[in-house]
Amino acid sequence: MAASAPVIPAYKTAFLESCLSANVLTFGTYTLKSGR
């Protein structure tokens, strides 16, 4: 099953981890500017 997973470069994973640790990216409930 591992072959079907996309290969993500190390710099992308490091960037995502740094963003998540800094709460730049938040996954879950959020409100857009339009209020949706």
C-alpha atoms as a PDB file:
ATOM      1  CA  MET A   1       0.000   0.000   0.000  1.00  0.00           C
ATOM      2  CA  ALA A   2       2.959   2.314   0.470  1.00  0.00           C
ATOM      3  CA  ALA A   3       3.435   2.559  -3.290  1.00  0.00           C
ATOM      4  CA  SER A   4       0.089   4.338  -3.688  1.00  0.00           C
ATOM      5  CA  ALA A   5       1.067   7.107  -1.264  1.00  0.00           C
ATOM      6  CA  PRO A   6       2.544  10.225  -2.876  1.00  0.00           C
ATOM      7  CA  VAL A   7       6.209  10.851  -2.192  1.00  0.00           C
ATOM      8  CA  ILE A   8       6.655  14.160  -0.394  1.00  0.00           C
ATOM      9  CA  PRO A   9      10.110  15.761  -0.350  1.00  0.00           C
ATOM     10  CA  ALA A  10      11.702  16.278   3.065  1.00  0.00           C
ATOM     11  CA  TYR A  11      11.673  20.072   2.717  1.00  0.00           C
ATOM     12  CA  LYS A  12       7.913  20.067   2.211  1.00  0.00           C
ATOM     13  CA  THR A  13       7.280  17.957   5.280  1.00  0.00           C
ATOM     14  CA  ALA A  14       9.640  20.127   7.321  1.00  0.00           C
ATOM     15  CA  PHE A  15       7.833  23.260   6.096  1.00  0.00           C
ATOM     16  CA  LEU A  16       4.438  21.804   6.975  1.00  0.00           C
ATOM     17  CA  GLU A  17       5.645  20.731  10.400  1.00  0.00           C
ATOM     18  CA  SER A  18       7.029  24.192  11.111  1.00  0.00           C
ATOM     19  CA  CYS A  19       3.767  25.788  10.012  1.00  0.00           C
ATOM     20  CA  LEU A  20       1.727  23.433  12.165  1.00  0.00           C
ATOM     21  CA  SER A  21       3.947  24.005  15.180  1.00  0.00           C
ATOM     22  CA  ALA A  22       3.568  27.768  14.733  1.00  0.00           C
ATOM     23  CA  ASN A  23      -0.217  27.391  14.291  1.00  0.00           C
ATOM     24  CA  VAL A  24       0.015  29.026  10.868  1.00  0.00           C
ATOM     25  CA  LEU A  25      -2.027  26.232   9.369  1.00  0.00           C
ATOM     26  CA  THR A  26      -4.981  24.978  11.352  1.00  0.00           C
ATOM     27  CA  PHE A  27      -6.970  21.980  10.198  1.00  0.00           C
ATOM     28  CA  GLY A  28     -10.527  21.754  11.446  1.00  0.00           C
ATOM     29  CA  THR A  29     -13.287  24.282  11.854  1.00  0.00           C
ATOM     30  CA  TYR A  30     -12.590  27.749  10.611  1.00  0.00           C
ATOM     31  CA  THR A  31     -14.555  30.778   9.421  1.00  0.00           C
ATOM     32  CA  LEU A  32     -13.935  32.434   6.095  1.00  0.00           C
ATOM     33  CA  LYS A  33     -14.131  36.180   5.579  1.00  0.00           C
ATOM     34  CA  SER A  34     -17.489  35.676   3.879  1.00  0.00           C
ATOM     35  CA  GLY A  35     -18.791  34.085   7.068  1.00  0.00           C
ATOM     36  CA  ARG A  36     -19.266  30.611   5.613  1.00  0.00           C
END
